[in-house]
C-alpha atoms as a PDB file:
ATOM      1  CA  MET A   1       5.644  14.853  48.449  1.00  0.00           C
ATOM      2  CA  HIS A   2       4.694  11.539  47.314  1.00  0.00           C
ATOM      3  CA  PRO A   3       6.342  10.417  44.037  1.00  0.00           C
ATOM      4  CA  THR A   4       2.918   9.945  42.207  1.00  0.00           C
ATOM      5  CA  SER A   5       1.658  13.377  42.973  1.00  0.00           C
ATOM      6  CA  GLY A   6       2.626  16.859  41.965  1.00  0.00           C
ATOM      7  CA  PRO A   7       3.862  18.330  38.732  1.00  0.00           C
ATOM      8  CA  ASN A   8       6.096  15.242  37.600  1.00  0.00           C
ATOM      9  CA  ALA A   9       3.659  12.629  38.484  1.00  0.00           C
ATOM     10  CA  SER A  10       3.385  11.341  35.027  1.00  0.00           C
ATOM     11  CA  SER A  11       7.113  10.415  34.814  1.00  0.00           C
ATOM     12  CA  HIS A  12       6.741   8.252  37.892  1.00  0.00           C
ATOM     13  CA  ARG A  13       3.792   6.318  36.469  1.00  0.00           C
ATOM     14  CA  ALA A  14       4.923   6.268  32.818  1.00  0.00           C
ATOM     15  CA  GLN A  15       5.934   3.305  30.828  1.00  0.00           C
ATOM     16  CA  SER A  16       9.048   3.801  28.822  1.00  0.00           C
ATOM     17  CA  ASP A  17       9.302   0.492  27.170  1.00  0.00           C
ATOM     18  CA  PRO A  18       8.337   1.281  23.375  1.00  0.00           C
ATOM     19  CA  GLU A  19       7.210  -2.307  22.840  1.00  0.00           C
ATOM     20  CA  ALA A  20       4.990  -2.280  25.992  1.00  0.00           C
ATOM     21  CA  LEU A  21       3.434   1.174  24.682  1.00  0.00           C
ATOM     22  CA  ARG A  22       2.872  -0.531  21.281  1.00  0.00           C
ATOM     23  CA  GLN A  23       0.976  -3.326  22.753  1.00  0.00           C
ATOM     24  CA  LEU A  24      -1.003  -0.902  24.842  1.00  0.00           C
ATOM     25  CA  ARG A  25      -1.892   1.034  21.744  1.00  0.00           C
ATOM     26  CA  ASP A  26      -2.912  -2.030  19.802  1.00  0.00           C
ATOM     27  CA  ARG A  27      -5.003  -3.527  22.773  1.00  0.00           C
ATOM     28  CA  LEU A  28      -6.780  -0.242  23.323  1.00  0.00           C
ATOM     29  CA  ASN A  29      -7.555   0.182  19.461  1.00  0.00           C
ATOM     30  CA  ARG A  30      -8.988  -3.264  19.649  1.00  0.00           C
ATOM     31  CA  LEU A  31     -11.349  -2.492  22.467  1.00  0.00           C
ATOM     32  CA  ALA A  32     -12.350   0.837  21.034  1.00  0.00           C
ATOM     33  CA  ASN A  33     -13.207  -0.763  17.754  1.00  0.00           C
ATOM     34  CA  ALA A  34     -15.267  -3.553  19.488  1.00  0.00           C
ATOM     35  CA  LEU A  35     -17.158  -0.765  21.417  1.00  0.00           C
ATOM     36  CA  ASP A  36     -17.592   1.602  18.596  1.00  0.00           C
ATOM     37  CA  SER A  37     -17.412   0.137  15.229  1.00  0.00           C
ATOM     38  CA  ARG A  38     -17.378  -3.719  15.298  1.00  0.00           C
ATOM     39  CA  TYR A  39     -20.485  -4.264  13.099  1.00  0.00           C
ATOM     40  CA  ARG A  40     -21.830  -2.605  10.075  1.00  0.00           C
ATOM     41  CA  ILE A  41     -25.512  -2.135   9.112  1.00  0.00           C
ATOM     42  CA  PRO A  42     -25.794  -3.942   5.694  1.00  0.00           C
ATOM     43  CA  GLY A  43     -25.981  -1.837   2.699  1.00  0.00           C
ATOM     44  CA  THR A  44     -24.661   1.165   4.470  1.00  0.00           C
ATOM     45  CA  ARG A  45     -21.465   2.451   5.670  1.00  0.00           C
ATOM     46  CA  ILE A  46     -22.869   2.830   9.197  1.00  0.00           C
ATOM     47  CA  ARG A  47     -20.748   1.078  11.918  1.00  0.00           C
ATOM     48  CA  PHE A  48     -21.691   0.453  15.405  1.00  0.00           C
ATOM     49  CA  GLY A  49     -20.358  -1.551  18.301  1.00  0.00           C
ATOM     50  CA  TRP A  50     -21.108  -3.041  21.746  1.00  0.00           C
ATOM     51  CA  ASP A  51     -21.417   0.444  23.112  1.00  0.00           C
ATOM     52  CA  SER A  52     -24.721   1.005  21.086  1.00  0.00           C
ATOM     53  CA  ILE A  53     -25.864  -2.443  21.736  1.00  0.00           C
ATOM     54  CA  VAL A  54     -25.475  -2.455  25.477  1.00  0.00           C
ATOM     55  CA  GLY A  55     -26.656   1.175  25.527  1.00  0.00           C
ATOM     56  CA  LEU A  56     -30.024  -0.211  24.506  1.00  0.00           C
ATOM     57  CA  VAL A  57     -30.511  -1.197  28.270  1.00  0.00           C
ATOM     58  CA  PRO A  58     -31.568   1.974  29.894  1.00  0.00           C
ATOM     59  CA  ILE A  59     -29.319   3.443  32.586  1.00  0.00           C
ATOM     60  CA  ALA A  60     -27.329   0.241  33.280  1.00  0.00           C
ATOM     61  CA  GLY A  61     -26.129  -0.216  29.743  1.00  0.00           C
ATOM     62  CA  ASP A  62     -24.913   3.413  29.501  1.00  0.00           C
ATOM     63  CA  LEU A  63     -23.249   3.073  32.962  1.00  0.00           C
ATOM     64  CA  LEU A  64     -21.490  -0.157  31.865  1.00  0.00           C
ATOM     65  CA  THR A  65     -20.065   1.327  28.713  1.00  0.00           C
ATOM     66  CA  ALA A  66     -18.972   4.445  30.560  1.00  0.00           C
ATOM     67  CA  LEU A  67     -16.906   2.100  32.755  1.00  0.00           C
ATOM     68  CA  LEU A  68     -15.365   0.523  29.826  1.00  0.00           C
ATOM     69  CA  GLY A  69     -14.541   4.090  28.451  1.00  0.00           C
ATOM     70  CA  GLY A  70     -13.046   4.648  32.031  1.00  0.00           C
ATOM     71  CA  TYR A  71     -10.788   1.792  31.464  1.00  0.00           C
ATOM     72  CA  ILE A  72      -9.240   3.331  28.346  1.00  0.00           C
ATOM     73  CA  ILE A  73      -8.658   6.575  30.472  1.00  0.00           C
ATOM     74  CA  THR A  74      -7.272   4.563  33.290  1.00  0.00           C
ATOM     75  CA  GLN A  75      -4.706   2.850  30.885  1.00  0.00           C
ATOM     76  CA  GLY A  76      -3.885   6.255  29.599  1.00  0.00           C
ATOM     77  CA  TYR A  77      -3.188   7.447  33.252  1.00  0.00           C
ATOM     78  CA  LYS A  78      -1.048   4.303  33.881  1.00  0.00           C
ATOM     79  CA  ALA A  79       0.888   4.942  30.785  1.00  0.00           C
ATOM     80  CA  GLY A  80       1.689   8.522  32.012  1.00  0.00           C
ATOM     81  CA  ALA A  81      -0.498  10.586  29.656  1.00  0.00           C
ATOM     82  CA  PRO A  82      -0.763  14.217  30.656  1.00  0.00           C
ATOM     83  CA  ARG A  83      -3.596  15.474  32.816  1.00  0.00           C
ATOM     84  CA  LYS A  84      -4.936  17.742  29.943  1.00  0.00           C
ATOM     85  CA  LEU A  85      -5.232  14.660  27.650  1.00  0.00           C
ATOM     86  CA  LEU A  86      -6.990  12.631  30.312  1.00  0.00           C
ATOM     87  CA  LEU A  87      -9.337  15.353  31.031  1.00  0.00           C
ATOM     88  CA  LYS A  88     -10.217  15.670  27.277  1.00  0.00           C
ATOM     89  CA  MET A  89     -10.745  11.799  27.402  1.00  0.00           C
ATOM     90  CA  ALA A  90     -13.046  12.098  30.381  1.00  0.00           C
ATOM     91  CA  ALA A  91     -15.130  14.799  28.758  1.00  0.00           C
ATOM     92  CA  ASN A  92     -15.580  12.549  25.728  1.00  0.00           C
ATOM     93  CA  THR A  93     -16.669   9.728  27.947  1.00  0.00           C
ATOM     94  CA  LEU A  94     -19.103  11.934  30.042  1.00  0.00           C
ATOM     95  CA  LEU A  95     -20.615  13.368  26.742  1.00  0.00           C
ATOM     96  CA  ASP A  96     -21.028   9.742  25.648  1.00  0.00           C
ATOM     97  CA  LEU A  97     -22.791   8.867  28.920  1.00  0.00           C
ATOM     98  CA  PHE A  98     -25.116  11.804  28.921  1.00  0.00           C
ATOM     99  CA  GLY A  99     -25.761  11.864  25.086  1.00  0.00           C
ATOM    100  CA  GLY A 100     -26.312   7.977  25.030  1.00  0.00           C
ATOM    101  CA  SER A 101     -28.763   8.007  27.953  1.00  0.00           C
ATOM    102  CA  LEU A 102     -31.200  10.267  26.163  1.00  0.00           C
ATOM    103  CA  PRO A 103     -34.220   8.143  25.138  1.00  0.00           C
ATOM    104  CA  ILE A 104     -34.254   7.168  21.459  1.00  0.00           C
ATOM    105  CA  VAL A 105     -31.903   9.678  20.199  1.00  0.00           C
ATOM    106  CA  GLY A 106     -29.379   8.396  22.535  1.00  0.00           C
ATOM    107  CA  ASP A 107     -28.800   5.191  20.440  1.00  0.00           C
ATOM    108  CA  ALA A 108     -28.180   7.211  17.408  1.00  0.00           C
ATOM    109  CA  TYR A 109     -25.840   9.458  19.348  1.00  0.00           C
ATOM    110  CA  ASP A 110     -23.828   6.587  20.500  1.00  0.00           C
ATOM    111  CA  ILE A 111     -23.260   5.388  16.866  1.00  0.00           C
ATOM    112  CA  LEU A 112     -22.242   8.876  15.774  1.00  0.00           C
ATOM    113  CA  TRP A 113     -19.990  10.157  18.773  1.00  0.00           C
ATOM    114  CA  ARG A 114     -17.844   7.032  19.146  1.00  0.00           C
ATOM    115  CA  SER A 115     -16.209   8.295  22.244  1.00  0.00           C
ATOM    116  CA  ASN A 116     -13.872   5.297  22.794  1.00  0.00           C
ATOM    117  CA  GLN A 117     -12.453   5.742  19.185  1.00  0.00           C
ATOM    118  CA  ARG A 118     -11.981   9.386  19.821  1.00  0.00           C
ATOM    119  CA  ASN A 119     -10.192   8.683  23.192  1.00  0.00           C
ATOM    120  CA  VAL A 120      -7.952   6.077  21.622  1.00  0.00           C
ATOM    121  CA  LYS A 121      -7.023   8.339  18.845  1.00  0.00           C
ATOM    122  CA  LEU A 122      -6.054  11.070  21.266  1.00  0.00           C
ATOM    123  CA  LEU A 123      -4.116   8.730  23.380  1.00  0.00           C
ATOM    124  CA  GLU A 124      -2.640   7.083  20.385  1.00  0.00           C
ATOM    125  CA  GLY A 125      -1.163  10.492  19.224  1.00  0.00           C
ATOM    126  CA  TRP A 126       0.597  10.927  22.750  1.00  0.00           C
ATOM    127  CA  LEU A 127       1.620   7.116  22.649  1.00  0.00           C
ATOM    128  CA  ASN A 128       3.313   7.383  19.226  1.00  0.00           C
ATOM    129  CA  ALA A 129       5.146  10.375  20.233  1.00  0.00           C
ATOM    130  CA  ARG A 130       6.491   8.343  23.170  1.00  0.00           C
ATOM    131  CA  ILE A 131       7.394   5.267  20.910  1.00  0.00           C
ATOM    132  CA  GLN A 132       8.985   7.527  18.165  1.00  0.00           C
ATOM    133  CA  PRO A 133      12.307   7.984  20.188  1.00  0.00           C
ATOM    134  CA  ALA A 134      13.218   4.409  19.680  1.00  0.00           C
ATOM    135  CA  ASN A 135      12.771   4.731  15.937  1.00  0.00           C
ATOM    136  CA  GLU A 136      14.793   8.079  16.120  1.00  0.00           C
ATOM    137  CA  GLU A 137      17.683   6.189  17.441  1.00  0.00           C
ATOM    138  CA  GLU A 138      17.487   3.677  14.755  1.00  0.00           C
ATOM    139  CA  ARG A 139      17.262   6.574  12.066  1.00  0.00           C
ATOM    140  CA  SER A 140      20.379   8.260  13.716  1.00  0.00           C
ATOM    141  CA  LEU A 141      22.414   5.034  13.411  1.00  0.00           C
ATOM    142  CA  VAL A 142      21.463   4.755   9.738  1.00  0.00           C
ATOM    143  CA  ARG A 143      22.466   8.481   9.201  1.00  0.00           C
ATOM    144  CA  VAL A 144      25.815   7.776  10.779  1.00  0.00           C
ATOM    145  CA  LEU A 145      26.426   4.564   8.748  1.00  0.00           C
ATOM    146  CA  VAL A 146      25.368   6.413   5.456  1.00  0.00           C
ATOM    147  CA  VAL A 147      27.654   9.480   6.178  1.00  0.00           C
ATOM    148  CA  ALA A 148      30.564   7.014   6.917  1.00  0.00           C
ATOM    149  CA  LEU A 149      29.924   5.141   3.831  1.00  0.00           C
ATOM    150  CA  LEU A 150      29.805   8.372   1.707  1.00  0.00           C
ATOM    151  CA  LEU A 151      33.096   9.531   3.381  1.00  0.00           C
ATOM    152  CA  GLY A 152      34.733   6.126   2.658  1.00  0.00           C
ATOM    153  CA  VAL A 153      33.718   6.119  -0.929  1.00  0.00           C
ATOM    154  CA  GLY A 154      34.688   9.740  -1.388  1.00  0.00           C
ATOM    155  CA  GLY A 155      38.002   8.939   0.100  1.00  0.00           C
ATOM    156  CA  LEU A 156      38.621   6.001  -1.914  1.00  0.00           C
ATOM    157  CA  PHE A 157      37.850   7.998  -5.200  1.00  0.00           C
ATOM    158  CA  ALA A 158      40.191  10.813  -3.917  1.00  0.00           C
ATOM    159  CA  TRP A 159      42.941   8.255  -3.132  1.00  0.00           C
ATOM    160  CA  LYS A 160      42.511   6.496  -6.521  1.00  0.00           C
ATOM    161  CA  GLY A 161      42.536   9.879  -8.126  1.00  0.00           C
ATOM    162  CA  LEU A 162      45.753  10.917  -6.439  1.00  0.00           C
ATOM    163  CA  SER A 163      47.442   7.787  -6.862  1.00  0.00           C
ATOM    164  CA  SER A 164      46.642   7.570 -10.727  1.00  0.00           C
ATOM    165  CA  GLY A 165      47.731  11.220 -11.211  1.00  0.00           C
ATOM    166  CA  THR A 166      44.154  12.353 -12.166  1.00  0.00           C
ATOM    167  CA  PHE A 167      44.086  14.749  -9.457  1.00  0.00           C
ATOM    168  CA  LYS A 168      46.953  16.866  -8.722  1.00  0.00           C
ATOM    169  CA  PRO A 169      47.108  18.489  -5.280  1.00  0.00           C
END
């Protein structure tokens, strides 16, 4: 069986460097924000992005923004995201493509649905779980140092107490 197919496929294509995963997460967040919420309608809290603007061009605009949404999914695949997560992301992008292609209401749909931000949020949860182990190692080291310090201080007090006659064994 080829190493990039089968049940363990994600482990062969996964990035394991926490810094690379952080950079990917940040890059995809910037892209999703540009596509879904870069601009604000003055006097409102309504935000929109290039997805809504380009989507004004019938058919071609929606296809182009679906391709950009596909880029986010592809990056998730390359990072090793599980198939179930990738399928959810693909469903969000397809809903955006079909909903956004509806005449007139499709533009409002694009503003409300924000599939790119939804997908990055889904992927971000998975990426953060992959980044976390590096932080967990740091926490473990701190725990060991704190325990060693407490044992040292406790031992020092016990030794001082025994040597001064305060504590009698």
